[in-house]
């Protein structure tokens, strides 16, 4: 769970396990250290991912996880613009059925089909991220 030098979804899932351990009181003293460590690595991974036309779903997940626990560096205006440019103008959701075939590093056990071929995981993450941006800008 705390292995170093991981990338992509493994890295974000490590942070998810740390957050779960913190929430259940299994990890008290080092929780902030791990959050800071993983979010620093996630920040570098997010920059690389976006610069190399990487996985949009992963990029949104990276931003959401670290921004919602208080790391404001993830709430950049240029990243907000990138994420909102991926939103479908007609339906308001994110992703398309054809995008699933392009994601090789991640395998959902189940991704609910949505109207207009949108991706439920990506749309859910993006909704959470946009709410985090709104909260940040209103404070």
N, C-alpha and C. Protein backbone atom coordinates (compact mmCIF):
# COMPACT_ATOMS: atom_id res chain seq x y z
N UNK A 1 0.82 -1.20 0.00
CA UNK A 1 0.00 0.00 0.00
C UNK A 1 0.86 1.27 0.00
N UNK A 2 2.05 1.20 0.55
CA UNK A 2 2.88 2.40 0.62
C UNK A 2 4.12 2.29 -0.26
N UNK A 3 4.11 1.41 -1.24
CA UNK A 3 5.25 1.27 -2.15
C UNK A 3 5.53 2.60 -2.85
N UNK A 4 6.79 2.87 -3.04
CA UNK A 4 7.17 4.12 -3.71
C UNK A 4 7.30 3.90 -5.22
N UNK A 5 7.39 5.01 -5.92
CA UNK A 5 7.63 5.02 -7.37
C UNK A 5 6.53 4.32 -8.17
N UNK A 6 5.29 4.47 -7.74
CA UNK A 6 4.20 3.93 -8.54
C UNK A 6 3.63 5.04 -9.40
N UNK A 7 2.76 4.68 -10.32
CA UNK A 7 2.18 5.65 -11.24
C UNK A 7 0.72 5.28 -11.50
N UNK A 8 0.07 6.18 -12.22
CA UNK A 8 -1.25 5.94 -12.76
C UNK A 8 -2.26 5.56 -11.66
N UNK A 9 -3.13 4.60 -11.97
CA UNK A 9 -4.20 4.24 -11.04
C UNK A 9 -3.67 3.60 -9.77
N UNK A 10 -2.55 2.93 -9.85
CA UNK A 10 -1.99 2.33 -8.63
C UNK A 10 -1.69 3.43 -7.62
N UNK A 11 -1.17 4.54 -8.08
CA UNK A 11 -0.83 5.65 -7.20
C UNK A 11 -2.08 6.27 -6.57
N UNK A 12 -3.11 6.50 -7.36
CA UNK A 12 -4.33 7.09 -6.79
C UNK A 12 -5.01 6.10 -5.85
N UNK A 13 -4.94 4.82 -6.14
CA UNK A 13 -5.56 3.83 -5.27
C UNK A 13 -4.78 3.67 -3.97
N UNK A 14 -3.48 3.90 -3.99
CA UNK A 14 -2.72 3.92 -2.74
C UNK A 14 -3.25 5.05 -1.85
N UNK A 15 -3.47 6.22 -2.43
CA UNK A 15 -4.01 7.33 -1.65
C UNK A 15 -5.40 7.00 -1.13
N UNK A 16 -6.22 6.36 -1.94
CA UNK A 16 -7.55 5.96 -1.47
C UNK A 16 -7.47 5.05 -0.25
N UNK A 17 -6.53 4.10 -0.25
CA UNK A 17 -6.35 3.22 0.91
C UNK A 17 -5.89 4.00 2.13
N UNK A 18 -5.02 4.96 1.94
CA UNK A 18 -4.57 5.81 3.06
C UNK A 18 -5.75 6.59 3.62
N UNK A 19 -6.59 7.14 2.75
CA UNK A 19 -7.76 7.89 3.22
C UNK A 19 -8.75 7.00 3.96
N UNK A 20 -8.92 5.77 3.48
CA UNK A 20 -9.80 4.82 4.17
C UNK A 20 -9.22 4.45 5.54
N UNK A 21 -7.92 4.24 5.60
CA UNK A 21 -7.27 3.91 6.88
C UNK A 21 -7.38 5.08 7.86
N UNK A 22 -7.26 6.27 7.37
CA UNK A 22 -7.40 7.46 8.22
C UNK A 22 -8.83 7.59 8.74
N UNK A 23 -9.79 7.36 7.88
CA UNK A 23 -11.20 7.49 8.24
C UNK A 23 -11.61 6.46 9.30
N UNK A 24 -11.04 5.27 9.23
CA UNK A 24 -11.39 4.21 10.18
C UNK A 24 -10.47 4.20 11.39
N UNK A 25 -9.69 5.24 11.56
CA UNK A 25 -8.77 5.39 12.70
C UNK A 25 -7.64 4.36 12.72
N UNK A 26 -7.38 3.70 11.61
CA UNK A 26 -6.28 2.73 11.54
C UNK A 26 -4.94 3.43 11.35
N UNK A 27 -4.97 4.64 10.90
CA UNK A 27 -3.75 5.38 10.62
C UNK A 27 -3.94 6.78 11.17
N UNK A 28 -3.23 7.10 12.22
CA UNK A 28 -3.42 8.40 12.86
C UNK A 28 -2.21 9.31 12.70
N UNK A 29 -1.06 8.84 13.14
CA UNK A 29 0.11 9.71 13.23
C UNK A 29 0.72 10.07 11.88
N UNK A 30 0.76 9.13 10.96
CA UNK A 30 1.44 9.38 9.68
C UNK A 30 0.48 9.70 8.54
N UNK A 31 -0.78 9.89 8.81
CA UNK A 31 -1.77 10.09 7.75
C UNK A 31 -1.41 11.29 6.88
N UNK A 32 -1.11 12.43 7.50
CA UNK A 32 -0.82 13.62 6.71
C UNK A 32 0.48 13.43 5.91
N UNK A 33 1.46 12.76 6.50
CA UNK A 33 2.71 12.49 5.77
C UNK A 33 2.41 11.72 4.49
N UNK A 34 1.61 10.67 4.60
CA UNK A 34 1.28 9.86 3.42
C UNK A 34 0.46 10.65 2.41
N UNK A 35 -0.50 11.44 2.88
CA UNK A 35 -1.29 12.27 1.97
C UNK A 35 -0.39 13.22 1.19
N UNK A 36 0.51 13.86 1.90
CA UNK A 36 1.43 14.80 1.26
C UNK A 36 2.36 14.08 0.28
N UNK A 37 2.88 12.94 0.68
CA UNK A 37 3.78 12.16 -0.16
C UNK A 37 3.08 11.71 -1.45
N UNK A 38 1.91 11.12 -1.30
CA UNK A 38 1.21 10.61 -2.48
C UNK A 38 0.71 11.74 -3.36
N UNK A 39 0.22 12.82 -2.77
CA UNK A 39 -0.26 13.93 -3.61
C UNK A 39 0.89 14.63 -4.34
N UNK A 40 2.07 14.68 -3.76
CA UNK A 40 3.23 15.22 -4.48
C UNK A 40 3.53 14.36 -5.70
N UNK A 41 3.49 13.04 -5.53
CA UNK A 41 3.72 12.14 -6.66
C UNK A 41 2.58 12.20 -7.66
N UNK A 42 1.36 12.33 -7.17
CA UNK A 42 0.20 12.42 -8.06
C UNK A 42 0.26 13.71 -8.87
N UNK A 43 0.73 14.80 -8.26
CA UNK A 43 0.85 16.07 -8.99
C UNK A 43 1.79 15.91 -10.19
N UNK A 44 2.94 15.29 -9.95
CA UNK A 44 3.90 15.07 -11.04
C UNK A 44 3.29 14.15 -12.11
N UNK A 45 2.57 13.12 -11.67
CA UNK A 45 1.94 12.19 -12.61
C UNK A 45 0.85 12.90 -13.42
N UNK A 46 0.08 13.77 -12.77
CA UNK A 46 -0.98 14.51 -13.47
C UNK A 46 -0.40 15.43 -14.53
N UNK A 47 0.68 16.13 -14.20
CA UNK A 47 1.34 17.01 -15.17
C UNK A 47 1.82 16.20 -16.37
N UNK A 48 2.45 15.08 -16.11
CA UNK A 48 2.94 14.22 -17.19
C UNK A 48 1.77 13.69 -18.02
N UNK A 49 0.74 13.24 -17.35
CA UNK A 49 -0.43 12.67 -18.01
C UNK A 49 -1.07 13.68 -18.96
N UNK A 50 -1.29 14.89 -18.50
CA UNK A 50 -1.92 15.91 -19.34
C UNK A 50 -1.02 16.32 -20.50
N UNK A 51 0.26 16.49 -20.24
CA UNK A 51 1.20 16.92 -21.28
C UNK A 51 1.35 15.89 -22.39
N UNK A 52 1.12 14.64 -22.08
CA UNK A 52 1.31 13.58 -23.06
C UNK A 52 -0.01 13.00 -23.56
N UNK A 53 -1.07 13.83 -23.54
CA UNK A 53 -2.39 13.38 -23.99
C UNK A 53 -2.77 12.04 -23.38
N UNK A 54 -2.58 11.97 -22.09
CA UNK A 54 -2.84 10.72 -21.39
C UNK A 54 -4.31 10.45 -21.12
N UNK A 55 -4.54 9.65 -20.16
CA UNK A 55 -5.84 9.18 -19.77
C UNK A 55 -6.62 10.29 -19.05
N UNK A 56 -7.68 10.78 -19.66
CA UNK A 56 -8.48 11.85 -19.06
C UNK A 56 -9.13 11.41 -17.76
N UNK A 57 -9.63 10.19 -17.72
CA UNK A 57 -10.27 9.66 -16.51
C UNK A 57 -9.28 9.67 -15.35
N UNK A 58 -8.08 9.21 -15.58
CA UNK A 58 -7.05 9.20 -14.54
C UNK A 58 -6.71 10.62 -14.11
N UNK A 59 -6.55 11.52 -15.07
CA UNK A 59 -6.21 12.91 -14.75
C UNK A 59 -7.27 13.52 -13.82
N UNK A 60 -8.54 13.31 -14.15
CA UNK A 60 -9.63 13.85 -13.33
C UNK A 60 -9.60 13.21 -11.94
N UNK A 61 -9.36 11.90 -11.88
CA UNK A 61 -9.28 11.22 -10.59
C UNK A 61 -8.15 11.77 -9.74
N UNK A 62 -7.01 12.02 -10.36
CA UNK A 62 -5.86 12.57 -9.64
C UNK A 62 -6.19 13.94 -9.04
N UNK A 63 -6.79 14.80 -9.85
CA UNK A 63 -7.14 16.13 -9.37
C UNK A 63 -8.18 16.08 -8.26
N UNK A 64 -9.20 15.27 -8.44
CA UNK A 64 -10.26 15.19 -7.44
C UNK A 64 -9.74 14.70 -6.10
N UNK A 65 -9.00 13.61 -6.08
CA UNK A 65 -8.56 13.04 -4.81
C UNK A 65 -7.73 14.01 -3.98
N UNK A 66 -6.76 14.65 -4.60
CA UNK A 66 -5.88 15.52 -3.81
C UNK A 66 -6.52 16.87 -3.52
N UNK A 67 -7.32 17.39 -4.43
CA UNK A 67 -7.96 18.69 -4.16
C UNK A 67 -9.01 18.59 -3.07
N UNK A 68 -9.73 17.47 -3.00
CA UNK A 68 -10.80 17.37 -2.01
C UNK A 68 -10.27 17.17 -0.60
N UNK A 69 -8.99 16.81 -0.45
CA UNK A 69 -8.42 16.72 0.89
C UNK A 69 -7.58 17.95 1.23
N UNK A 70 -7.66 18.98 0.37
CA UNK A 70 -7.08 20.26 0.73
C UNK A 70 -5.85 20.72 -0.02
N UNK A 71 -5.40 19.97 -1.00
CA UNK A 71 -4.21 20.38 -1.76
C UNK A 71 -4.65 21.28 -2.91
N UNK A 72 -4.61 22.58 -2.66
CA UNK A 72 -5.13 23.58 -3.60
C UNK A 72 -4.31 23.70 -4.87
N UNK A 73 -3.08 23.21 -4.88
CA UNK A 73 -2.25 23.26 -6.10
C UNK A 73 -2.89 22.51 -7.25
N UNK A 74 -3.79 21.58 -6.94
CA UNK A 74 -4.46 20.80 -7.98
C UNK A 74 -5.61 21.56 -8.64
N UNK A 75 -5.97 22.70 -8.08
CA UNK A 75 -7.11 23.47 -8.61
C UNK A 75 -6.62 24.61 -9.49
N UNK A 76 -5.85 24.27 -10.47
CA UNK A 76 -5.29 25.24 -11.40
C UNK A 76 -6.33 25.62 -12.45
N UNK A 77 -6.28 26.88 -12.86
CA UNK A 77 -7.23 27.36 -13.86
C UNK A 77 -7.03 26.65 -15.20
N UNK A 78 -5.78 26.43 -15.62
CA UNK A 78 -5.54 25.76 -16.89
C UNK A 78 -6.02 24.32 -16.86
N UNK A 79 -5.95 23.67 -15.71
CA UNK A 79 -6.45 22.30 -15.60
C UNK A 79 -7.98 22.30 -15.59
N UNK A 80 -8.58 23.30 -14.97
CA UNK A 80 -10.04 23.44 -15.01
C UNK A 80 -10.50 23.58 -16.46
N UNK A 81 -9.82 24.42 -17.21
CA UNK A 81 -10.17 24.64 -18.61
C UNK A 81 -10.02 23.33 -19.41
N UNK A 82 -8.96 22.58 -19.15
CA UNK A 82 -8.76 21.30 -19.86
C UNK A 82 -9.91 20.34 -19.56
N UNK A 83 -10.27 20.20 -18.28
CA UNK A 83 -11.33 19.27 -17.90
C UNK A 83 -12.67 19.69 -18.49
N UNK A 84 -13.00 20.97 -18.41
CA UNK A 84 -14.30 21.40 -18.95
C UNK A 84 -14.34 21.30 -20.47
N UNK A 85 -13.20 21.32 -21.13
CA UNK A 85 -13.19 21.15 -22.59
C UNK A 85 -13.52 19.71 -22.98
N UNK A 86 -13.41 18.77 -22.05
CA UNK A 86 -13.74 17.37 -22.33
C UNK A 86 -15.22 17.06 -22.12
N UNK A 87 -15.95 18.01 -21.57
CA UNK A 87 -17.37 17.80 -21.30
C UNK A 87 -18.16 17.85 -22.61
N UNK A 88 -19.08 16.91 -22.78
CA UNK A 88 -19.91 16.91 -23.98
C UNK A 88 -20.93 18.04 -23.87
N UNK A 89 -20.97 18.88 -24.88
CA UNK A 89 -21.84 20.05 -24.84
C UNK A 89 -23.32 19.71 -24.90
N UNK A 90 -23.67 18.63 -25.57
CA UNK A 90 -25.10 18.30 -25.69
C UNK A 90 -25.66 17.62 -24.44
N UNK A 91 -24.90 16.72 -23.81
CA UNK A 91 -25.43 15.99 -22.66
C UNK A 91 -24.87 16.47 -21.32
N UNK A 92 -23.73 17.13 -21.34
CA UNK A 92 -23.11 17.61 -20.11
C UNK A 92 -22.25 16.58 -19.41
N UNK A 93 -22.23 15.36 -19.92
CA UNK A 93 -21.44 14.33 -19.25
C UNK A 93 -20.04 14.25 -19.87
N UNK A 94 -19.28 13.28 -19.40
CA UNK A 94 -17.89 13.15 -19.83
C UNK A 94 -17.65 11.76 -20.41
N UNK A 95 -16.84 11.72 -21.46
CA UNK A 95 -16.44 10.45 -22.04
C UNK A 95 -17.38 9.98 -23.12
N UNK A 96 -16.95 8.92 -23.77
CA UNK A 96 -17.78 8.27 -24.78
C UNK A 96 -17.47 6.80 -24.77
N UNK A 97 -18.36 6.02 -25.28
CA UNK A 97 -18.17 4.57 -25.29
C UNK A 97 -16.90 4.18 -26.03
N UNK A 98 -16.53 4.91 -27.05
CA UNK A 98 -15.31 4.57 -27.82
C UNK A 98 -14.05 4.80 -26.99
N UNK A 99 -14.13 5.62 -25.98
CA UNK A 99 -12.96 5.92 -25.15
C UNK A 99 -12.55 4.71 -24.30
N UNK A 100 -13.48 3.86 -23.94
CA UNK A 100 -13.17 2.70 -23.11
C UNK A 100 -12.11 1.82 -23.74
N UNK A 101 -12.14 1.67 -25.04
CA UNK A 101 -11.17 0.83 -25.74
C UNK A 101 -9.77 1.40 -25.68
N UNK A 102 -9.63 2.70 -25.45
CA UNK A 102 -8.32 3.34 -25.43
C UNK A 102 -7.64 3.23 -24.07
N UNK A 103 -8.38 2.88 -23.03
CA UNK A 103 -7.83 2.82 -21.68
C UNK A 103 -7.31 1.41 -21.43
N UNK A 104 -5.99 1.26 -21.44
CA UNK A 104 -5.39 -0.05 -21.28
C UNK A 104 -4.91 -0.31 -19.86
N UNK A 105 -4.68 0.74 -19.09
CA UNK A 105 -4.08 0.58 -17.78
C UNK A 105 -5.10 0.36 -16.69
N UNK A 106 -6.38 0.36 -17.00
CA UNK A 106 -7.40 0.30 -15.98
C UNK A 106 -8.55 -0.56 -16.47
N UNK A 107 -9.06 -1.38 -15.61
CA UNK A 107 -10.17 -2.25 -15.98
C UNK A 107 -11.25 -2.14 -14.91
N UNK A 108 -12.34 -1.49 -15.24
CA UNK A 108 -13.45 -1.42 -14.30
C UNK A 108 -14.16 -2.76 -14.25
N UNK A 109 -14.57 -3.14 -13.05
CA UNK A 109 -15.35 -4.35 -12.95
C UNK A 109 -16.72 -4.13 -13.58
N UNK A 110 -17.23 -2.91 -13.45
CA UNK A 110 -18.54 -2.60 -14.01
C UNK A 110 -18.61 -1.09 -14.24
N UNK A 111 -18.95 -0.68 -15.41
CA UNK A 111 -19.14 0.73 -15.71
C UNK A 111 -20.53 0.88 -16.29
N UNK A 112 -21.39 1.53 -15.56
CA UNK A 112 -22.79 1.65 -15.95
C UNK A 112 -22.93 2.41 -17.26
N UNK A 113 -23.71 1.84 -18.17
CA UNK A 113 -24.00 2.52 -19.43
C UNK A 113 -24.87 3.72 -19.14
N UNK A 114 -24.53 4.83 -19.75
CA UNK A 114 -25.32 6.04 -19.59
C UNK A 114 -25.87 6.46 -20.94
N UNK A 115 -26.89 7.27 -20.90
CA UNK A 115 -27.46 7.80 -22.13
C UNK A 115 -26.37 8.55 -22.89
N UNK A 116 -26.43 8.53 -24.17
CA UNK A 116 -25.47 9.20 -25.06
C UNK A 116 -24.09 8.59 -25.03
N UNK A 117 -23.96 7.37 -24.48
CA UNK A 117 -22.68 6.68 -24.48
C UNK A 117 -21.65 7.26 -23.54
N UNK A 118 -22.06 8.03 -22.57
CA UNK A 118 -21.12 8.64 -21.62
C UNK A 118 -20.60 7.61 -20.63
N UNK A 119 -19.47 7.91 -20.01
CA UNK A 119 -18.85 7.02 -19.04
C UNK A 119 -19.25 7.44 -17.63
N UNK A 120 -19.81 6.51 -16.86
CA UNK A 120 -20.30 6.84 -15.52
C UNK A 120 -19.16 7.18 -14.57
N UNK A 121 -18.06 6.44 -14.63
CA UNK A 121 -16.94 6.71 -13.72
C UNK A 121 -16.34 8.08 -13.98
N UNK A 122 -16.06 8.35 -15.24
CA UNK A 122 -15.45 9.63 -15.60
C UNK A 122 -16.39 10.80 -15.31
N UNK A 123 -17.68 10.63 -15.60
CA UNK A 123 -18.65 11.69 -15.34
C UNK A 123 -18.81 11.94 -13.85
N UNK A 124 -18.80 10.87 -13.05
CA UNK A 124 -18.89 11.02 -11.60
C UNK A 124 -17.68 11.73 -11.02
N UNK A 125 -16.50 11.34 -11.47
CA UNK A 125 -15.29 12.01 -11.02
C UNK A 125 -15.30 13.49 -11.39
N UNK A 126 -15.67 13.77 -12.64
CA UNK A 126 -15.69 15.16 -13.11
C UNK A 126 -16.70 15.99 -12.34
N UNK A 127 -17.87 15.41 -12.03
CA UNK A 127 -18.86 16.12 -11.23
C UNK A 127 -18.31 16.48 -9.86
N UNK A 128 -17.61 15.54 -9.23
CA UNK A 128 -16.98 15.82 -7.94
C UNK A 128 -15.90 16.87 -8.05
N UNK A 129 -15.11 16.81 -9.11
CA UNK A 129 -14.04 17.79 -9.30
C UNK A 129 -14.61 19.18 -9.54
N UNK A 130 -15.63 19.28 -10.37
CA UNK A 130 -16.23 20.59 -10.63
C UNK A 130 -16.85 21.17 -9.36
N UNK A 131 -17.43 20.33 -8.52
CA UNK A 131 -17.96 20.79 -7.23
C UNK A 131 -16.83 21.29 -6.33
N UNK A 132 -15.69 20.62 -6.38
CA UNK A 132 -14.54 21.05 -5.58
C UNK A 132 -14.01 22.39 -6.07
N UNK A 133 -13.97 22.59 -7.38
CA UNK A 133 -13.57 23.89 -7.94
C UNK A 133 -14.54 24.98 -7.48
N UNK A 134 -15.83 24.72 -7.54
CA UNK A 134 -16.83 25.72 -7.13
C UNK A 134 -16.64 26.09 -5.66
N UNK A 135 -16.49 25.07 -4.83
CA UNK A 135 -16.27 25.32 -3.39
C UNK A 135 -15.02 26.16 -3.16
N UNK A 136 -13.94 25.84 -3.87
CA UNK A 136 -12.69 26.57 -3.74
C UNK A 136 -12.85 28.03 -4.15
N UNK A 137 -13.48 28.28 -5.28
CA UNK A 137 -13.62 29.65 -5.77
C UNK A 137 -14.63 30.48 -4.98
N UNK A 138 -15.57 29.82 -4.29
CA UNK A 138 -16.54 30.56 -3.48
C UNK A 138 -16.00 30.92 -2.10
N UNK A 139 -14.93 30.26 -1.68
CA UNK A 139 -14.37 30.56 -0.35
C UNK A 139 -13.52 31.79 -0.34
